[in-house]
Amino acid sequence: MNLHSYFRSSASFRVRIALNLKGLAYDYVPVHLLRGDHKKPAYAAISADTLVPLLETDGERLSQSMAIIEYLDETHPAPPLLPADALGRAKVRALAQSIACDIHPINNLRVLKYLVRELQVDEAAKNAWYRHWCRVGLEAFERQLAQLPVATYCYGPTPTLADCCLVPQIFNAARMAVSFDGLPRTMAAYEACMALPAFAQAQPSACPDNE
């Protein structure tokens, strides 16, 4: 398997975690987003959305981190990243999508670049935007966790799709100085995840393109 990835991409980070949890070997193919490598013809020829991550496996190319992770979970079911019951799967997906669909899209690199380049927002205002929407989203995530039974991870005694999404978001939020006060369940799940090699070895500092 080849994973086209950028070390700071939280979507790529999610997939790196999932691959590690599954014990799957892969070749890391760096795509430097800040330099615009994802827009160059060579990458655009294999990636229709010109985004990362892109997973090449069994002669196929898969995009979008959530789809990739669910594919990995279906084709390599142990350990499972989604509960066995339909209700549990729905709750884990809701947690994961709170990050992947609510927090991440309005705070990813291309949105922040648009704020600065097209709307002429200064650095302080851009950072305030990020911190505001990230904090709002994390507070909502915490409220969701508070409605669930107490668990080591986001949902239950083992990491799930929700944890694959949470950890990269916390990494990015920390880099942008988002406050984590008042998020006890969220941060407890994060700390539990980071004690596992699968998460620690997927972090940006462990990536070959880390700069």
N, C-alpha and C. Protein backbone atom coordinates (compact mmCIF):
# COMPACT_ATOMS: atom_id res chain seq x y z
N MET A 1 0.84 -1.20 0.00
CA MET A 1 0.00 0.00 0.00
C MET A 1 0.87 1.25 0.00
N ASN A 2 0.43 2.25 -0.73
CA ASN A 2 1.07 3.56 -0.72
C ASN A 2 0.10 4.57 -0.13
N LEU A 3 0.57 5.34 0.83
CA LEU A 3 -0.24 6.41 1.40
C LEU A 3 0.36 7.75 1.02
N HIS A 4 -0.34 8.49 0.18
CA HIS A 4 0.06 9.85 -0.15
C HIS A 4 -0.42 10.74 0.99
N SER A 5 0.53 11.41 1.64
CA SER A 5 0.23 12.05 2.91
C SER A 5 1.04 13.33 3.07
N TYR A 6 0.58 14.20 3.94
CA TYR A 6 1.33 15.39 4.36
C TYR A 6 1.38 15.36 5.88
N PHE A 7 2.52 15.59 6.46
CA PHE A 7 2.69 15.34 7.89
C PHE A 7 1.73 16.14 8.77
N ARG A 8 1.35 17.34 8.34
CA ARG A 8 0.46 18.15 9.15
C ARG A 8 -1.01 17.98 8.79
N SER A 9 -1.32 17.22 7.79
CA SER A 9 -2.71 16.99 7.40
C SER A 9 -3.39 16.11 8.44
N SER A 10 -4.43 16.66 9.08
CA SER A 10 -5.12 15.86 10.09
C SER A 10 -5.88 14.70 9.45
N ALA A 11 -6.36 14.88 8.23
CA ALA A 11 -7.05 13.79 7.53
C ALA A 11 -6.07 12.64 7.25
N SER A 12 -4.85 12.97 6.83
CA SER A 12 -3.83 11.94 6.62
C SER A 12 -3.44 11.27 7.94
N PHE A 13 -3.35 12.07 8.98
CA PHE A 13 -3.02 11.58 10.33
C PHE A 13 -4.04 10.51 10.74
N ARG A 14 -5.32 10.75 10.47
CA ARG A 14 -6.37 9.76 10.82
C ARG A 14 -6.07 8.41 10.18
N VAL A 15 -5.72 8.46 8.91
CA VAL A 15 -5.47 7.20 8.18
C VAL A 15 -4.20 6.53 8.68
N ARG A 16 -3.17 7.31 8.98
CA ARG A 16 -1.94 6.72 9.53
C ARG A 16 -2.24 5.98 10.83
N ILE A 17 -3.09 6.57 11.68
CA ILE A 17 -3.47 5.91 12.93
C ILE A 17 -4.18 4.59 12.63
N ALA A 18 -5.15 4.63 11.73
CA ALA A 18 -5.92 3.42 11.41
C ALA A 18 -5.01 2.33 10.86
N LEU A 19 -4.10 2.68 9.97
CA LEU A 19 -3.17 1.69 9.42
C LEU A 19 -2.31 1.07 10.54
N ASN A 20 -1.86 1.91 11.45
CA ASN A 20 -1.05 1.40 12.56
C ASN A 20 -1.86 0.50 13.48
N LEU A 21 -3.09 0.91 13.79
CA LEU A 21 -3.93 0.09 14.65
C LEU A 21 -4.18 -1.28 14.02
N LYS A 22 -4.30 -1.30 12.72
CA LYS A 22 -4.53 -2.56 12.00
C LYS A 22 -3.24 -3.36 11.79
N GLY A 23 -2.10 -2.74 12.08
CA GLY A 23 -0.83 -3.41 11.86
C GLY A 23 -0.50 -3.59 10.40
N LEU A 24 -0.93 -2.64 9.57
CA LEU A 24 -0.73 -2.74 8.13
C LEU A 24 0.49 -1.92 7.69
N ALA A 25 1.37 -2.54 6.95
CA ALA A 25 2.55 -1.85 6.44
C ALA A 25 2.17 -1.03 5.21
N TYR A 26 2.82 0.11 5.05
CA TYR A 26 2.56 0.96 3.89
C TYR A 26 3.78 1.80 3.59
N ASP A 27 3.86 2.24 2.35
CA ASP A 27 4.91 3.18 1.95
C ASP A 27 4.36 4.59 2.01
N TYR A 28 5.11 5.47 2.64
CA TYR A 28 4.70 6.87 2.82
C TYR A 28 5.17 7.68 1.62
N VAL A 29 4.24 8.31 0.93
CA VAL A 29 4.56 9.14 -0.22
C VAL A 29 4.22 10.59 0.13
N PRO A 30 5.20 11.44 0.37
CA PRO A 30 4.91 12.82 0.80
C PRO A 30 4.33 13.68 -0.31
N VAL A 31 3.34 14.47 0.06
CA VAL A 31 2.74 15.47 -0.83
C VAL A 31 2.75 16.78 -0.06
N HIS A 32 3.62 17.69 -0.43
CA HIS A 32 3.81 18.91 0.34
C HIS A 32 2.73 19.94 0.00
N LEU A 33 1.78 20.10 0.90
CA LEU A 33 0.64 20.99 0.62
C LEU A 33 1.05 22.45 0.55
N LEU A 34 1.94 22.89 1.43
CA LEU A 34 2.32 24.30 1.42
C LEU A 34 3.02 24.70 0.13
N ARG A 35 3.73 23.75 -0.47
CA ARG A 35 4.40 24.03 -1.75
C ARG A 35 3.46 23.84 -2.93
N GLY A 36 2.29 23.32 -2.66
CA GLY A 36 1.32 23.12 -3.73
C GLY A 36 1.53 21.86 -4.55
N ASP A 37 2.23 20.87 -3.98
CA ASP A 37 2.47 19.63 -4.71
C ASP A 37 1.17 18.93 -5.12
N HIS A 38 0.12 19.13 -4.32
CA HIS A 38 -1.15 18.45 -4.61
C HIS A 38 -1.84 19.01 -5.85
N LYS A 39 -1.42 20.19 -6.28
CA LYS A 39 -2.02 20.81 -7.46
C LYS A 39 -1.22 20.54 -8.74
N LYS A 40 -0.08 19.93 -8.61
CA LYS A 40 0.76 19.69 -9.77
C LYS A 40 0.20 18.55 -10.62
N PRO A 41 0.46 18.57 -11.93
CA PRO A 41 -0.13 17.58 -12.83
C PRO A 41 0.11 16.13 -12.42
N ALA A 42 1.28 15.82 -11.90
CA ALA A 42 1.59 14.43 -11.56
C ALA A 42 0.64 13.90 -10.49
N TYR A 43 0.35 14.73 -9.49
CA TYR A 43 -0.56 14.27 -8.43
C TYR A 43 -2.01 14.38 -8.88
N ALA A 44 -2.34 15.44 -9.58
CA ALA A 44 -3.72 15.60 -10.07
C ALA A 44 -4.12 14.45 -10.99
N ALA A 45 -3.15 13.83 -11.63
CA ALA A 45 -3.44 12.72 -12.54
C ALA A 45 -3.92 11.47 -11.79
N ILE A 46 -3.57 11.37 -10.50
CA ILE A 46 -4.00 10.20 -9.73
C ILE A 46 -5.01 10.54 -8.65
N SER A 47 -5.18 11.83 -8.35
CA SER A 47 -6.10 12.24 -7.29
C SER A 47 -7.11 13.23 -7.85
N ALA A 48 -8.35 12.78 -8.01
CA ALA A 48 -9.37 13.63 -8.63
C ALA A 48 -9.65 14.89 -7.82
N ASP A 49 -9.61 14.78 -6.48
CA ASP A 49 -9.91 15.96 -5.66
C ASP A 49 -8.65 16.73 -5.28
N THR A 50 -7.51 16.26 -5.71
CA THR A 50 -6.20 16.87 -5.42
C THR A 50 -6.02 17.17 -3.94
N LEU A 51 -6.43 16.22 -3.12
CA LEU A 51 -6.30 16.35 -1.67
C LEU A 51 -5.52 15.15 -1.13
N VAL A 52 -5.11 15.26 0.11
CA VAL A 52 -4.56 14.10 0.82
C VAL A 52 -5.51 13.79 1.97
N PRO A 53 -5.56 12.52 2.36
CA PRO A 53 -4.75 11.40 1.92
C PRO A 53 -5.30 10.75 0.65
N LEU A 54 -4.43 9.98 0.03
CA LEU A 54 -4.81 9.09 -1.06
C LEU A 54 -4.14 7.76 -0.79
N LEU A 55 -4.94 6.70 -0.74
CA LEU A 55 -4.39 5.38 -0.48
C LEU A 55 -4.45 4.55 -1.76
N GLU A 56 -3.30 4.02 -2.15
CA GLU A 56 -3.23 3.10 -3.29
C GLU A 56 -3.10 1.68 -2.73
N THR A 57 -4.04 0.83 -3.09
CA THR A 57 -4.04 -0.53 -2.58
C THR A 57 -4.73 -1.46 -3.56
N ASP A 58 -4.12 -2.59 -3.81
CA ASP A 58 -4.69 -3.61 -4.70
C ASP A 58 -5.08 -3.04 -6.06
N GLY A 59 -4.27 -2.14 -6.57
CA GLY A 59 -4.52 -1.57 -7.89
C GLY A 59 -5.58 -0.51 -7.92
N GLU A 60 -6.10 -0.11 -6.76
CA GLU A 60 -7.14 0.91 -6.66
C GLU A 60 -6.61 2.13 -5.92
N ARG A 61 -7.28 3.26 -6.15
CA ARG A 61 -6.94 4.49 -5.45
C ARG A 61 -8.16 4.96 -4.66
N LEU A 62 -7.96 5.20 -3.39
CA LEU A 62 -9.06 5.62 -2.51
C LEU A 62 -8.74 6.98 -1.91
N SER A 63 -9.74 7.87 -1.93
CA SER A 63 -9.59 9.19 -1.34
C SER A 63 -10.57 9.35 -0.19
N GLN A 64 -10.43 10.46 0.53
CA GLN A 64 -11.28 10.82 1.67
C GLN A 64 -11.00 9.90 2.87
N SER A 65 -10.49 10.50 3.92
CA SER A 65 -10.01 9.73 5.07
C SER A 65 -11.07 8.83 5.68
N MET A 66 -12.29 9.31 5.81
CA MET A 66 -13.33 8.51 6.46
C MET A 66 -13.66 7.27 5.63
N ALA A 67 -13.73 7.45 4.32
CA ALA A 67 -13.99 6.32 3.43
C ALA A 67 -12.83 5.33 3.47
N ILE A 68 -11.61 5.85 3.49
CA ILE A 68 -10.44 4.98 3.55
C ILE A 68 -10.44 4.14 4.82
N ILE A 69 -10.70 4.79 5.95
CA ILE A 69 -10.67 4.07 7.23
C ILE A 69 -11.76 3.01 7.29
N GLU A 70 -12.95 3.33 6.80
CA GLU A 70 -14.01 2.32 6.82
C GLU A 70 -13.67 1.17 5.85
N TYR A 71 -13.03 1.47 4.75
CA TYR A 71 -12.58 0.41 3.85
C TYR A 71 -11.58 -0.50 4.56
N LEU A 72 -10.63 0.10 5.24
CA LEU A 72 -9.65 -0.69 5.98
C LEU A 72 -10.32 -1.54 7.05
N ASP A 73 -11.34 -0.97 7.68
CA ASP A 73 -12.03 -1.71 8.74
C ASP A 73 -12.81 -2.89 8.17
N GLU A 74 -13.34 -2.73 6.99
CA GLU A 74 -14.10 -3.82 6.36
C GLU A 74 -13.19 -4.90 5.79
N THR A 75 -12.05 -4.50 5.26
CA THR A 75 -11.16 -5.47 4.63
C THR A 75 -10.16 -6.08 5.61
N HIS A 76 -9.93 -5.41 6.73
CA HIS A 76 -9.03 -5.91 7.77
C HIS A 76 -9.76 -5.71 9.11
N PRO A 77 -10.71 -6.57 9.42
CA PRO A 77 -11.64 -6.32 10.53
C PRO A 77 -11.06 -6.39 11.94
N ALA A 78 -9.85 -6.86 12.11
CA ALA A 78 -9.28 -6.94 13.45
C ALA A 78 -8.05 -6.03 13.56
N PRO A 79 -8.00 -5.21 14.60
CA PRO A 79 -9.07 -4.93 15.57
C PRO A 79 -10.12 -4.01 14.95
N PRO A 80 -11.37 -4.15 15.35
CA PRO A 80 -12.43 -3.32 14.75
C PRO A 80 -12.35 -1.87 15.21
N LEU A 81 -12.67 -0.97 14.29
CA LEU A 81 -12.70 0.46 14.61
C LEU A 81 -14.13 0.98 14.75
N LEU A 82 -15.10 0.10 14.54
CA LEU A 82 -16.50 0.43 14.74
C LEU A 82 -17.13 -0.70 15.57
N PRO A 83 -18.07 -0.36 16.46
CA PRO A 83 -18.72 -1.38 17.28
C PRO A 83 -19.49 -2.39 16.44
N ALA A 84 -19.78 -3.53 17.04
CA ALA A 84 -20.49 -4.59 16.33
C ALA A 84 -21.97 -4.28 16.15
N ASP A 85 -22.54 -3.46 17.02
CA ASP A 85 -23.98 -3.18 16.96
C ASP A 85 -24.26 -1.89 16.21
N ALA A 86 -25.41 -1.83 15.57
CA ALA A 86 -25.78 -0.68 14.73
C ALA A 86 -25.84 0.61 15.52
N LEU A 87 -26.38 0.56 16.74
CA LEU A 87 -26.47 1.77 17.56
C LEU A 87 -25.09 2.28 17.93
N GLY A 88 -24.22 1.37 18.31
CA GLY A 88 -22.86 1.77 18.65
C GLY A 88 -22.13 2.37 17.46
N ARG A 89 -22.32 1.77 16.29
CA ARG A 89 -21.67 2.31 15.08
C ARG A 89 -22.17 3.72 14.79
N ALA A 90 -23.46 3.94 14.97
CA ALA A 90 -24.02 5.27 14.71
C ALA A 90 -23.44 6.30 15.67
N LYS A 91 -23.27 5.91 16.93
CA LYS A 91 -22.74 6.86 17.92
C LYS A 91 -21.27 7.17 17.66
N VAL A 92 -20.50 6.16 17.28
CA VAL A 92 -19.09 6.40 16.96
C VAL A 92 -18.97 7.26 15.71
N ARG A 93 -19.78 6.98 14.71
CA ARG A 93 -19.73 7.80 13.49
C ARG A 93 -20.13 9.25 13.79
N ALA A 94 -21.10 9.44 14.68
CA ALA A 94 -21.51 10.80 15.04
C ALA A 94 -20.35 11.55 15.68
N LEU A 95 -19.63 10.90 16.58
CA LEU A 95 -18.47 11.53 17.20
C LEU A 95 -17.42 11.87 16.15
N ALA A 96 -17.13 10.91 15.30
CA ALA A 96 -16.11 11.12 14.27
C ALA A 96 -16.49 12.24 13.32
N GLN A 97 -17.74 12.27 12.92
CA GLN A 97 -18.19 13.29 11.98
C GLN A 97 -18.30 14.67 12.61
N SER A 98 -18.45 14.73 13.93
CA SER A 98 -18.43 16.03 14.59
C SER A 98 -17.10 16.73 14.35
N ILE A 99 -16.05 15.94 14.24
CA ILE A 99 -14.74 16.50 13.95
C ILE A 99 -14.51 16.62 12.45
N ALA A 100 -14.71 15.50 11.74
CA ALA A 100 -14.39 15.47 10.31
C ALA A 100 -15.30 16.32 9.46
N CYS A 101 -16.54 16.53 9.90
CA CYS A 101 -17.51 17.28 9.09
C CYS A 101 -17.82 18.67 9.65
N ASP A 102 -17.66 18.87 10.96
CA ASP A 102 -18.02 20.16 11.56
C ASP A 102 -16.80 21.03 11.85
N ILE A 103 -15.80 20.47 12.51
CA ILE A 103 -14.63 21.29 12.89
C ILE A 103 -13.64 21.43 11.74
N HIS A 104 -13.23 20.32 11.18
CA HIS A 104 -12.13 20.32 10.22
C HIS A 104 -12.38 21.13 8.94
N PRO A 105 -13.54 20.99 8.29
CA PRO A 105 -13.70 21.64 6.98
C PRO A 105 -13.53 23.16 6.99
N ILE A 106 -13.95 23.81 8.06
CA ILE A 106 -13.85 25.28 8.06
C ILE A 106 -12.53 25.78 8.63
N ASN A 107 -11.66 24.85 9.02
CA ASN A 107 -10.38 25.24 9.59
C ASN A 107 -9.19 24.59 8.89
N ASN A 108 -9.44 23.97 7.73
CA ASN A 108 -8.31 23.32 7.08
C ASN A 108 -7.47 24.34 6.30
N LEU A 109 -6.37 23.87 5.75
CA LEU A 109 -5.37 24.78 5.17
C LEU A 109 -5.93 25.64 4.05
N ARG A 110 -6.70 25.07 3.14
CA ARG A 110 -7.17 25.85 2.00
C ARG A 110 -8.15 26.93 2.42
N VAL A 111 -8.95 26.68 3.47
CA VAL A 111 -9.86 27.71 3.97
C VAL A 111 -9.06 28.84 4.63
N LEU A 112 -8.07 28.48 5.44
CA LEU A 112 -7.26 29.50 6.10
C LEU A 112 -6.49 30.33 5.07
N LYS A 113 -6.01 29.68 4.02
CA LYS A 113 -5.32 30.42 2.95
C LYS A 113 -6.27 31.39 2.26
N TYR A 114 -7.50 30.96 2.04
CA TYR A 114 -8.49 31.82 1.38
C TYR A 114 -8.78 33.04 2.24
N LEU A 115 -8.90 32.84 3.53
CA LEU A 115 -9.15 33.97 4.44
C LEU A 115 -8.05 35.03 4.30
N VAL A 116 -6.81 34.56 4.20
CA VAL A 116 -5.68 35.49 4.15
C VAL A 116 -5.50 36.09 2.76
N ARG A 117 -5.50 35.24 1.74
CA ARG A 117 -5.15 35.71 0.40
C ARG A 117 -6.29 36.43 -0.30
N GLU A 118 -7.48 35.90 -0.19
CA GLU A 118 -8.61 36.46 -0.92
C GLU A 118 -9.40 37.49 -0.11
N LEU A 119 -9.59 37.22 1.16
CA LEU A 119 -10.38 38.13 1.99
C LEU A 119 -9.53 39.11 2.77
N GLN A 120 -8.21 38.99 2.63
CA GLN A 120 -7.26 39.92 3.24
C GLN A 120 -7.38 39.97 4.77
N VAL A 121 -7.66 38.84 5.35
CA VAL A 121 -7.72 38.74 6.81
C VAL A 121 -6.29 38.66 7.34
N ASP A 122 -5.98 39.39 8.41
CA ASP A 122 -4.62 39.34 8.93
C ASP A 122 -4.41 38.08 9.78
N GLU A 123 -3.17 37.85 10.16
CA GLU A 123 -2.81 36.62 10.85
C GLU A 123 -3.56 36.47 12.17
N ALA A 124 -3.70 37.56 12.91
CA ALA A 124 -4.38 37.49 14.20
C ALA A 124 -5.85 37.11 14.02
N ALA A 125 -6.49 37.69 13.03
CA ALA A 125 -7.91 37.39 12.78
C ALA A 125 -8.08 35.95 12.29
N LYS A 126 -7.15 35.50 11.45
CA LYS A 126 -7.21 34.12 10.97
C LYS A 126 -7.10 33.14 12.13
N ASN A 127 -6.16 33.40 13.03
CA ASN A 127 -5.98 32.52 14.18
C ASN A 127 -7.17 32.57 15.12
N ALA A 128 -7.78 33.75 15.25
CA ALA A 128 -8.98 33.87 16.08
C ALA A 128 -10.13 33.05 15.49
N TRP A 129 -10.25 33.08 14.17
CA TRP A 129 -11.25 32.26 13.47
C TRP A 129 -11.05 30.79 13.82
N TYR A 130 -9.81 30.33 13.66
CA TYR A 130 -9.52 28.93 13.92
C TYR A 130 -9.88 28.56 15.36
N ARG A 131 -9.38 29.36 16.31
CA ARG A 131 -9.60 29.02 17.71
C ARG A 131 -11.08 29.03 18.07
N HIS A 132 -11.82 29.98 17.52
CA HIS A 132 -13.25 30.06 17.83
C HIS A 132 -13.99 28.82 17.38
N TRP A 133 -13.85 28.47 16.09
CA TRP A 133 -14.63 27.37 15.55
C TRP A 133 -14.15 26.02 16.06
N CYS A 134 -12.87 25.90 16.34
CA CYS A 134 -12.36 24.66 16.91
C CYS A 134 -12.89 24.48 18.33
N ARG A 135 -12.84 25.54 19.11
CA ARG A 135 -13.33 25.44 20.49
C ARG A 135 -14.83 25.14 20.53
N VAL A 136 -15.60 25.78 19.68
CA VAL A 136 -17.04 25.50 19.61
C VAL A 136 -17.27 24.02 19.31
N GLY A 137 -16.52 23.51 18.36
CA GLY A 137 -16.68 22.11 17.98
C GLY A 137 -16.25 21.15 19.08
N LEU A 138 -15.16 21.45 19.76
CA LEU A 138 -14.69 20.58 20.84
C LEU A 138 -15.65 20.60 22.03
N GLU A 139 -16.27 21.73 22.29
CA GLU A 139 -17.26 21.79 23.36
C GLU A 139 -18.46 20.89 23.02
N ALA A 140 -18.87 20.90 21.77
CA ALA A 140 -19.96 20.03 21.34
C ALA A 140 -19.55 18.56 21.45
N PHE A 141 -18.30 18.27 21.11
CA PHE A 141 -17.78 16.91 21.22
C PHE A 141 -17.81 16.45 22.68
N GLU A 142 -17.39 17.33 23.57
CA GLU A 142 -17.40 17.01 25.00
C GLU A 142 -18.82 16.72 25.49
N ARG A 143 -19.78 17.50 25.01
CA ARG A 143 -21.17 17.26 25.43
C ARG A 143 -21.65 15.89 24.94
N GLN A 144 -21.23 15.51 23.74
CA GLN A 144 -21.60 14.18 23.25
C GLN A 144 -20.99 13.08 24.12
N LEU A 145 -19.72 13.23 24.47
CA LEU A 145 -19.08 12.25 25.33
C LEU A 145 -19.77 12.14 26.68
N ALA A 146 -20.23 13.28 27.19
CA ALA A 146 -20.87 13.31 28.51
C ALA A 146 -22.18 12.52 28.52
N GLN A 147 -22.76 12.31 27.37
CA GLN A 147 -24.00 11.54 27.27
C GLN A 147 -23.75 10.04 27.15
N LEU A 148 -22.49 9.65 27.04
CA LEU A 148 -22.13 8.25 26.87
C LEU A 148 -21.56 7.69 28.17
N PRO A 149 -21.59 6.37 28.34
CA PRO A 149 -20.96 5.78 29.52
C PRO A 149 -19.48 6.13 29.59
N VAL A 150 -18.97 6.29 30.79
CA VAL A 150 -17.55 6.59 30.97
C VAL A 150 -16.72 5.47 30.34
N ALA A 151 -15.69 5.85 29.58
CA ALA A 151 -14.88 4.87 28.87
C ALA A 151 -13.44 5.35 28.81
N THR A 152 -12.53 4.43 28.56
CA THR A 152 -11.12 4.80 28.42
C THR A 152 -10.90 5.67 27.20
N TYR A 153 -11.55 5.29 26.10
CA TYR A 153 -11.40 6.03 24.85
C TYR A 153 -12.72 6.77 24.57
N CYS A 154 -12.90 7.26 23.38
CA CYS A 154 -14.12 8.01 23.10
C CYS A 154 -15.38 7.16 23.30
N TYR A 155 -15.28 5.89 22.89
CA TYR A 155 -16.44 5.00 22.99
C TYR A 155 -15.94 3.60 23.30
N GLY A 156 -16.00 3.24 24.56
CA GLY A 156 -15.64 1.89 24.94
C GLY A 156 -14.19 1.70 25.33
N PRO A 157 -13.77 0.44 25.52
CA PRO A 157 -12.44 0.13 26.05
C PRO A 157 -11.33 0.04 25.01
N THR A 158 -11.67 0.22 23.74
CA THR A 158 -10.66 0.18 22.68
C THR A 158 -10.84 1.36 21.73
N PRO A 159 -9.80 1.78 21.04
CA PRO A 159 -9.92 2.92 20.12
C PRO A 159 -10.88 2.62 18.97
N THR A 160 -11.55 3.65 18.52
CA THR A 160 -12.49 3.54 17.40
C THR A 160 -12.20 4.63 16.37
N LEU A 161 -13.04 4.65 15.37
CA LEU A 161 -12.97 5.70 14.35
C LEU A 161 -12.99 7.09 14.98
N ALA A 162 -13.74 7.25 16.06
CA ALA A 162 -13.82 8.55 16.74
C ALA A 162 -12.46 8.98 17.27
N ASP A 163 -11.71 8.05 17.81
CA ASP A 163 -10.38 8.38 18.34
C ASP A 163 -9.41 8.71 17.21
N CYS A 164 -9.56 8.01 16.08
CA CYS A 164 -8.72 8.32 14.91
C CYS A 164 -8.91 9.76 14.46
N CYS A 165 -10.10 10.29 14.67
CA CYS A 165 -10.38 11.67 14.28
C CYS A 165 -10.00 12.66 15.38
N LEU A 166 -10.22 12.26 16.63
CA LEU A 166 -9.97 13.18 17.74
C LEU A 166 -8.50 13.56 17.87
N VAL A 167 -7.63 12.59 17.85
CA VAL A 167 -6.22 12.87 18.13
C VAL A 167 -5.60 13.89 17.15
N PRO A 168 -5.77 13.74 15.84
CA PRO A 168 -5.22 14.76 14.93
C PRO A 168 -5.80 16.14 15.17
N GLN A 169 -7.10 16.21 15.52
CA GLN A 169 -7.70 17.51 15.77
C GLN A 169 -7.09 18.18 17.00
N ILE A 170 -6.82 17.39 18.04
CA ILE A 170 -6.18 17.95 19.23
C ILE A 170 -4.77 18.43 18.91
N PHE A 171 -4.05 17.68 18.09
CA PHE A 171 -2.70 18.10 17.69
C PHE A 171 -2.74 19.46 17.01
N ASN A 172 -3.63 19.62 16.05
CA ASN A 172 -3.72 20.89 15.34
C ASN A 172 -4.20 22.01 16.25
N ALA A 173 -5.15 21.69 17.11
CA ALA A 173 -5.67 22.70 18.03
C ALA A 173 -4.57 23.18 18.98
N ALA A 174 -3.75 22.27 19.45
CA ALA A 174 -2.65 22.66 20.34
C ALA A 174 -1.67 23.57 19.62
N ARG A 175 -1.40 23.27 18.36
CA ARG A 175 -0.48 24.11 17.58
C ARG A 175 -1.03 25.52 17.41
N MET A 176 -2.35 25.65 17.42
CA MET A 176 -3.00 26.95 17.24
C MET A 176 -3.43 27.57 18.57
N ALA A 177 -2.97 27.00 19.68
CA ALA A 177 -3.21 27.54 21.03
C ALA A 177 -4.69 27.59 21.40
N VAL A 178 -5.45 26.59 20.99
CA VAL A 178 -6.85 26.47 21.41
C VAL A 178 -6.87 26.01 22.87
N SER A 179 -7.77 26.59 23.66
CA SER A 179 -7.90 26.19 25.06
C SER A 179 -8.59 24.84 25.17
N PHE A 180 -8.05 23.99 26.03
CA PHE A 180 -8.66 22.68 26.31
C PHE A 180 -9.31 22.63 27.69
N ASP A 181 -9.43 23.78 28.33
CA ASP A 181 -10.07 23.83 29.64
C ASP A 181 -11.52 23.36 29.55
N GLY A 182 -11.96 22.62 30.56
CA GLY A 182 -13.35 22.21 30.61
C GLY A 182 -13.71 21.11 29.64
N LEU A 183 -12.71 20.34 29.19
CA LEU A 183 -12.96 19.23 28.26
C LEU A 183 -12.39 17.94 28.85
N PRO A 184 -12.83 17.53 30.03
CA PRO A 184 -12.19 16.40 30.71
C PRO A 184 -12.30 15.08 29.98
N ARG A 185 -13.48 14.76 29.44
CA ARG A 185 -13.64 13.48 28.76
C ARG A 185 -12.84 13.46 27.45
N THR A 186 -12.89 14.57 26.75
CA THR A 186 -12.16 14.68 25.49
C THR A 186 -10.67 14.48 25.69
N MET A 187 -10.12 15.18 26.67
CA MET A 187 -8.68 15.13 26.87
C MET A 187 -8.24 13.80 27.50
N ALA A 188 -9.10 13.19 28.29
CA ALA A 188 -8.78 11.88 28.84
C ALA A 188 -8.68 10.84 27.72
N ALA A 189 -9.60 10.90 26.77
CA ALA A 189 -9.54 9.99 25.63
C ALA A 189 -8.28 10.24 24.81
N TYR A 190 -7.95 11.50 24.61
CA TYR A 190 -6.73 11.85 23.87
C TYR A 190 -5.49 11.29 24.56
N GLU A 191 -5.38 11.50 25.85
CA GLU A 191 -4.21 11.01 26.58
C GLU A 191 -4.12 9.49 26.54
N ALA A 192 -5.25 8.82 26.63
CA ALA A 192 -5.25 7.36 26.55
C ALA A 192 -4.76 6.89 25.19
N CYS A 193 -5.19 7.58 24.15
CA CYS A 193 -4.75 7.23 22.79
C CYS A 193 -3.25 7.42 22.63
N MET A 194 -2.74 8.53 23.11
CA MET A 194 -1.34 8.85 22.90
C MET A 194 -0.40 7.94 23.70
N ALA A 195 -0.95 7.16 24.61
CA ALA A 195 -0.15 6.16 25.32
C ALA A 195 0.06 4.91 24.48
N LEU A 196 -0.65 4.81 23.36
CA LEU A 196 -0.55 3.65 22.48
C LEU A 196 0.45 3.91 21.34
N PRO A 197 1.30 2.98 21.02
CA PRO A 197 2.27 3.17 19.93
C PRO A 197 1.62 3.51 18.59
N ALA A 198 0.45 2.94 18.31
CA ALA A 198 -0.20 3.19 17.02
C ALA A 198 -0.47 4.67 16.81
N PHE A 199 -0.80 5.38 17.86
CA PHE A 199 -1.08 6.81 17.78
C PHE A 199 0.23 7.61 17.81
N ALA A 200 1.11 7.27 18.74
CA ALA A 200 2.36 8.01 18.87
C ALA A 200 3.20 7.94 17.60
N GLN A 201 3.20 6.77 16.96
CA GLN A 201 4.01 6.58 15.76
C GLN A 201 3.40 7.21 14.51
N ALA A 202 2.15 7.64 14.61
CA ALA A 202 1.49 8.28 13.47
C ALA A 202 1.56 9.80 13.53
N GLN A 203 2.06 10.35 14.62
CA GLN A 203 2.04 11.80 14.80
C GLN A 203 2.97 12.49 13.82
N PRO A 204 2.75 13.78 13.58
CA PRO A 204 3.53 14.51 12.57
C PRO A 204 5.04 14.41 12.75
N SER A 205 5.52 14.46 13.99
CA SER A 205 6.96 14.45 14.22
C SER A 205 7.60 13.14 13.79
N ALA A 206 6.79 12.09 13.64
CA ALA A 206 7.32 10.79 13.23
C ALA A 206 7.29 10.58 11.72
N CYS A 207 6.74 11.55 10.99
CA CYS A 207 6.60 11.42 9.54
C CYS A 207 7.91 11.78 8.83
N PRO A 208 8.24 11.12 7.74
CA PRO A 208 9.49 11.40 7.04
C PRO A 208 9.56 12.80 6.43
N ASP A 209 8.40 13.42 6.17
CA ASP A 209 8.41 14.76 5.59
C ASP A 209 8.27 15.85 6.65
N ASN A 210 8.36 15.49 7.92
CA ASN A 210 8.28 16.48 8.99
C ASN A 210 9.41 17.50 8.85
N GLU A 211 9.02 18.78 8.88
CA GLU A 211 10.03 19.85 8.71
C GLU A 211 9.98 20.80 9.88
